[in-house]
Every structure is written in C-alpha cells, then in structure tokens.
Amino acid sequence: NTSPGYERMTCSVCGSLFGGRTSSEPKIAAIRMGSLDDPDAFTPKMHLYTSSQVS
C-alpha cells in the first residue's frame, strides 16, 4: 500500500522497488543506494532512517 501523494518507483523489467517521490516535492526523488550499479556516481544529499550515513 502506498500513501496518497506518494509514487513508488519500480524497475520496468523486474519490478524491484528502487525509490519514490511525493507529489508535494516532485523534483526530489529518494533513491535506494543499493539499487545503483555505481553508488559512487552520486553524492548523497541526506540520509534517512539509518543508524549511520553513507561514508
């Protein structure tokens, strides 16, 4: 179940969930770092719901 105003982002090939965004902030997407082929290609701007940030 998805909250109203929240869009889940899934892979069109395998259906894996890799992120999401809200209708209130459509230019901002939360991407799961583990879904990237090269996590070092992007610099995280923040971390959420973690005990420690990405180093």
PDB file of N, CA and C in Angstrom:
ATOM      1  N   ASN A   1       0.834  -1.187   0.000  1.00  0.00           N
ATOM      2  CA  ASN A   1       0.000   0.000   0.000  1.00  0.00           C
ATOM      3  C   ASN A   1       0.872   1.241   0.000  1.00  0.00           C
ATOM      4  N   THR A   2       0.468   2.218  -0.784  1.00  0.00           N
ATOM      5  CA  THR A   2       1.199   3.468  -0.875  1.00  0.00           C
ATOM      6  C   THR A   2       0.356   4.587  -0.294  1.00  0.00           C
ATOM      7  N   SER A   3       0.996   5.511   0.403  1.00  0.00           N
ATOM      8  CA  SER A   3       0.294   6.661   0.953  1.00  0.00           C
ATOM      9  C   SER A   3      -0.195   7.562  -0.171  1.00  0.00           C
ATOM     10  N   PRO A   4      -1.317   8.251   0.021  1.00  0.00           N
ATOM     11  CA  PRO A   4      -1.789   9.192  -1.002  1.00  0.00           C
ATOM     12  C   PRO A   4      -0.720  10.249  -1.283  1.00  0.00           C
ATOM     13  N   GLY A   5      -0.481  10.541  -2.558  1.00  0.00           N
ATOM     14  CA  GLY A   5       0.511  11.543  -2.926  1.00  0.00           C
ATOM     15  C   GLY A   5       1.922  11.017  -3.033  1.00  0.00           C
ATOM     16  N   TYR A   6       2.122   9.709  -2.807  1.00  0.00           N
ATOM     17  CA  TYR A   6       3.456   9.107  -2.889  1.00  0.00           C
ATOM     18  C   TYR A   6       3.509   8.161  -4.076  1.00  0.00           C
ATOM     19  N   GLU A   7       4.513   8.331  -4.915  1.00  0.00           N
ATOM     20  CA  GLU A   7       4.695   7.474  -6.085  1.00  0.00           C
ATOM     21  C   GLU A   7       5.873   6.541  -5.853  1.00  0.00           C
ATOM     22  N   ARG A   8       5.633   5.257  -5.919  1.00  0.00           N
ATOM     23  CA  ARG A   8       6.716   4.270  -5.832  1.00  0.00           C
ATOM     24  C   ARG A   8       7.384   4.172  -7.190  1.00  0.00           C
ATOM     25  N   MET A   9       8.705   4.079  -7.202  1.00  0.00           N
ATOM     26  CA  MET A   9       9.454   3.959  -8.447  1.00  0.00           C
ATOM     27  C   MET A   9       9.983   2.534  -8.531  1.00  0.00           C
ATOM     28  N   THR A  10       9.559   1.813  -9.584  1.00  0.00           N
ATOM     29  CA  THR A  10       9.942   0.414  -9.738  1.00  0.00           C
ATOM     30  C   THR A  10      10.586   0.177 -11.099  1.00  0.00           C
ATOM     31  N   CYS A  11      11.389  -0.865 -11.169  1.00  0.00           N
ATOM     32  CA  CYS A  11      12.045  -1.269 -12.408  1.00  0.00           C
ATOM     33  C   CYS A  11      10.997  -1.837 -13.364  1.00  0.00           C
ATOM     34  N   SER A  12      11.009  -1.369 -14.610  1.00  0.00           N
ATOM     35  CA  SER A  12      10.034  -1.861 -15.591  1.00  0.00           C
ATOM     36  C   SER A  12      10.351  -3.276 -16.067  1.00  0.00           C
ATOM     37  N   VAL A  13      11.567  -3.757 -15.782  1.00  0.00           N
ATOM     38  CA  VAL A  13      11.965  -5.099 -16.209  1.00  0.00           C
ATOM     39  C   VAL A  13      11.645  -6.137 -15.136  1.00  0.00           C
ATOM     40  N   CYS A  14      12.129  -5.897 -13.899  1.00  0.00           N
ATOM     41  CA  CYS A  14      11.975  -6.915 -12.856  1.00  0.00           C
ATOM     42  C   CYS A  14      10.966  -6.546 -11.770  1.00  0.00           C
ATOM     43  N   GLY A  15      10.537  -5.281 -11.725  1.00  0.00           N
ATOM     44  CA  GLY A  15       9.559  -4.861 -10.736  1.00  0.00           C
ATOM     45  C   GLY A  15      10.132  -4.477  -9.388  1.00  0.00           C
ATOM     46  N   SER A  16      11.459  -4.486  -9.237  1.00  0.00           N
ATOM     47  CA  SER A  16      12.086  -4.127  -7.962  1.00  0.00           C
ATOM     48  C   SER A  16      11.829  -2.666  -7.622  1.00  0.00           C
ATOM     49  N   LEU A  17      11.552  -2.410  -6.351  1.00  0.00           N
ATOM     50  CA  LEU A  17      11.372  -1.048  -5.866  1.00  0.00           C
ATOM     51  C   LEU A  17      12.743  -0.405  -5.700  1.00  0.00           C
ATOM     52  N   PHE A  18      12.962   0.757  -6.310  1.00  0.00           N
ATOM     53  CA  PHE A  18      14.255   1.420  -6.157  1.00  0.00           C
ATOM     54  C   PHE A  18      14.149   2.837  -5.622  1.00  0.00           C
ATOM     55  N   GLY A  19      12.952   3.343  -5.414  1.00  0.00           N
ATOM     56  CA  GLY A  19      12.826   4.686  -4.864  1.00  0.00           C
ATOM     57  C   GLY A  19      11.391   5.155  -4.875  1.00  0.00           C
ATOM     58  N   GLY A  20      11.236   6.466  -4.653  1.00  0.00           N
ATOM     59  CA  GLY A  20       9.916   7.061  -4.657  1.00  0.00           C
ATOM     60  C   GLY A  20       9.989   8.567  -4.547  1.00  0.00           C
ATOM     61  N   ARG A  21       8.825   9.205  -4.708  1.00  0.00           N
ATOM     62  CA  ARG A  21       8.746  10.656  -4.559  1.00  0.00           C
ATOM     63  C   ARG A  21       7.324  11.043  -4.187  1.00  0.00           C
ATOM     64  N   THR A  22       7.188  12.246  -3.650  1.00  0.00           N
ATOM     65  CA  THR A  22       5.878  12.741  -3.246  1.00  0.00           C
ATOM     66  C   THR A  22       5.393  13.796  -4.228  1.00  0.00           C
ATOM     67  N   SER A  23       4.088  13.946  -4.319  1.00  0.00           N
ATOM     68  CA  SER A  23       3.520  14.961  -5.207  1.00  0.00           C
ATOM     69  C   SER A  23       3.808  16.366  -4.690  1.00  0.00           C
ATOM     70  N   SER A  24       4.081  16.516  -3.392  1.00  0.00           N
ATOM     71  CA  SER A  24       4.379  17.834  -2.833  1.00  0.00           C
ATOM     72  C   SER A  24       5.790  18.311  -3.182  1.00  0.00           C
ATOM     73  N   GLU A  25       6.696  17.388  -3.505  1.00  0.00           N
ATOM     74  CA  GLU A  25       8.076  17.720  -3.896  1.00  0.00           C
ATOM     75  C   GLU A  25       8.455  16.890  -5.120  1.00  0.00           C
ATOM     76  N   PRO A  26       7.823  17.120  -6.281  1.00  0.00           N
ATOM     77  CA  PRO A  26       8.035  16.253  -7.448  1.00  0.00           C
ATOM     78  C   PRO A  26       9.446  16.279  -8.031  1.00  0.00           C
ATOM     79  N   LYS A  27      10.230  17.309  -7.719  1.00  0.00           N
ATOM     80  CA  LYS A  27      11.598  17.384  -8.249  1.00  0.00           C
ATOM     81  C   LYS A  27      12.600  16.618  -7.394  1.00  0.00           C
ATOM     82  N   ILE A  28      12.151  16.107  -6.252  1.00  0.00           N
ATOM     83  CA  ILE A  28      13.031  15.372  -5.341  1.00  0.00           C
ATOM     84  C   ILE A  28      12.607  13.908  -5.325  1.00  0.00           C
ATOM     85  N   ALA A  29      13.559  13.025  -5.574  1.00  0.00           N
ATOM     86  CA  ALA A  29      13.288  11.586  -5.542  1.00  0.00           C
ATOM     87  C   ALA A  29      14.217  10.930  -4.534  1.00  0.00           C
ATOM     88  N   ALA A  30      13.693  10.003  -3.769  1.00  0.00           N
ATOM     89  CA  ALA A  30      14.503   9.211  -2.839  1.00  0.00           C
ATOM     90  C   ALA A  30      14.879   7.923  -3.562  1.00  0.00           C
ATOM     91  N   ILE A  31      16.171   7.710  -3.763  1.00  0.00           N
ATOM     92  CA  ILE A  31      16.666   6.537  -4.484  1.00  0.00           C
ATOM     93  C   ILE A  31      17.417   5.636  -3.511  1.00  0.00           C
ATOM     94  N   ARG A  32      17.128   4.367  -3.524  1.00  0.00           N
ATOM     95  CA  ARG A  32      17.842   3.410  -2.670  1.00  0.00           C
ATOM     96  C   ARG A  32      19.238   3.189  -3.232  1.00  0.00           C
ATOM     97  N   MET A  33      20.255   3.510  -2.456  1.00  0.00           N
ATOM     98  CA  MET A  33      21.638   3.421  -2.925  1.00  0.00           C
ATOM     99  C   MET A  33      21.998   2.014  -3.381  1.00  0.00           C
ATOM    100  N   GLY A  34      21.437   1.005  -2.763  1.00  0.00           N
ATOM    101  CA  GLY A  34      21.729  -0.373  -3.143  1.00  0.00           C
ATOM    102  C   GLY A  34      21.204  -0.746  -4.521  1.00  0.00           C
ATOM    103  N   SER A  35      20.341   0.095  -5.088  1.00  0.00           N
ATOM    104  CA  SER A  35      19.806  -0.199  -6.419  1.00  0.00           C
ATOM    105  C   SER A  35      20.683   0.338  -7.547  1.00  0.00           C
ATOM    106  N   LEU A  36      21.703   1.120  -7.209  1.00  0.00           N
ATOM    107  CA  LEU A  36      22.574   1.706  -8.228  1.00  0.00           C
ATOM    108  C   LEU A  36      23.715   0.766  -8.595  1.00  0.00           C
ATOM    109  N   ASP A  37      24.057   0.724  -9.871  1.00  0.00           N
ATOM    110  CA  ASP A  37      25.212  -0.067 -10.308  1.00  0.00           C
ATOM    111  C   ASP A  37      26.500   0.504  -9.742  1.00  0.00           C
ATOM    112  N   ASP A  38      26.591   1.840  -9.663  1.00  0.00           N
ATOM    113  CA  ASP A  38      27.784   2.511  -9.142  1.00  0.00           C
ATOM    114  C   ASP A  38      27.351   3.571  -8.134  1.00  0.00           C
ATOM    115  N   PRO A  39      27.189   3.202  -6.857  1.00  0.00           N
ATOM    116  CA  PRO A  39      26.748   4.159  -5.843  1.00  0.00           C
ATOM    117  C   PRO A  39      27.672   5.368  -5.708  1.00  0.00           C
ATOM    118  N   ASP A  40      28.935   5.236  -6.113  1.00  0.00           N
ATOM    119  CA  ASP A  40      29.874   6.352  -6.013  1.00  0.00           C
ATOM    120  C   ASP A  40      29.650   7.400  -7.102  1.00  0.00           C
ATOM    121  N   ALA A  41      28.769   7.132  -8.058  1.00  0.00           N
ATOM    122  CA  ALA A  41      28.491   8.083  -9.133  1.00  0.00           C
ATOM    123  C   ALA A  41      27.682   9.284  -8.634  1.00  0.00           C
ATOM    124  N   PHE A  42      27.067   9.161  -7.450  1.00  0.00           N
ATOM    125  CA  PHE A  42      26.248  10.227  -6.888  1.00  0.00           C
ATOM    126  C   PHE A  42      26.689  10.527  -5.467  1.00  0.00           C
ATOM    127  N   THR A  43      26.569  11.782  -5.080  1.00  0.00           N
ATOM    128  CA  THR A  43      26.866  12.191  -3.714  1.00  0.00           C
ATOM    129  C   THR A  43      25.543  12.337  -2.968  1.00  0.00           C
ATOM    130  N   PRO A  44      25.315  11.552  -1.914  1.00  0.00           N
ATOM    131  CA  PRO A  44      24.067  11.674  -1.155  1.00  0.00           C
ATOM    132  C   PRO A  44      23.929  13.069  -0.555  1.00  0.00           C
ATOM    133  N   LYS A  45      22.729  13.611  -0.595  1.00  0.00           N
ATOM    134  CA  LYS A  45      22.443  14.920  -0.006  1.00  0.00           C
ATOM    135  C   LYS A  45      21.970  14.779   1.435  1.00  0.00           C
ATOM    136  N   MET A  46      21.422  13.603   1.785  1.00  0.00           N
ATOM    137  CA  MET A  46      20.959  13.346   3.145  1.00  0.00           C
ATOM    138  C   MET A  46      20.788  11.846   3.323  1.00  0.00           C
ATOM    139  N   HIS A  47      20.623  11.422   4.558  1.00  0.00           N
ATOM    140  CA  HIS A  47      20.330  10.023   4.838  1.00  0.00           C
ATOM    141  C   HIS A  47      19.118   9.968   5.761  1.00  0.00           C
ATOM    142  N   LEU A  48      18.282   8.961   5.567  1.00  0.00           N
ATOM    143  CA  LEU A  48      17.047   8.826   6.330  1.00  0.00           C
ATOM    144  C   LEU A  48      16.924   7.430   6.909  1.00  0.00           C
ATOM    145  N   TYR A  49      16.422   7.350   8.116  1.00  0.00           N
ATOM    146  CA  TYR A  49      16.117   6.073   8.752  1.00  0.00           C
ATOM    147  C   TYR A  49      17.314   5.122   8.791  1.00  0.00           C
ATOM    148  N   THR A  50      18.469   5.647   9.088  1.00  0.00           N
ATOM    149  CA  THR A  50      19.666   4.818   9.176  1.00  0.00           C
ATOM    150  C   THR A  50      20.380   5.113  10.477  1.00  0.00           C
ATOM    151  N   SER A  51      21.160   4.153  10.934  1.00  0.00           N
ATOM    152  CA  SER A  51      21.938   4.395  12.146  1.00  0.00           C
ATOM    153  C   SER A  51      23.223   5.138  11.822  1.00  0.00           C
ATOM    154  N   SER A  52      23.647   5.103  10.555  1.00  0.00           N
ATOM    155  CA  SER A  52      24.822   5.874  10.138  1.00  0.00           C
ATOM    156  C   SER A  52      24.685   6.230   8.663  1.00  0.00           C
ATOM    157  N   GLN A  53      25.293   7.336   8.291  1.00  0.00           N
ATOM    158  CA  GLN A  53      25.197   7.783   6.899  1.00  0.00           C
ATOM    159  C   GLN A  53      26.176   7.043   6.005  1.00  0.00           C
ATOM    160  N   VAL A  54      25.953   7.136   4.701  1.00  0.00           N
ATOM    161  CA  VAL A  54      26.850   6.526   3.726  1.00  0.00           C
ATOM    162  C   VAL A  54      28.196   7.215   3.831  1.00  0.00           C
ATOM    163  N   SER A  55      29.266   6.417   3.888  1.00  0.00           N
ATOM    164  CA  SER A  55      30.595   7.032   4.015  1.00  0.00           C
ATOM    165  C   SER A  55      31.261   7.178   2.677  1.00  0.00           C
TER     166      SER A  55
END
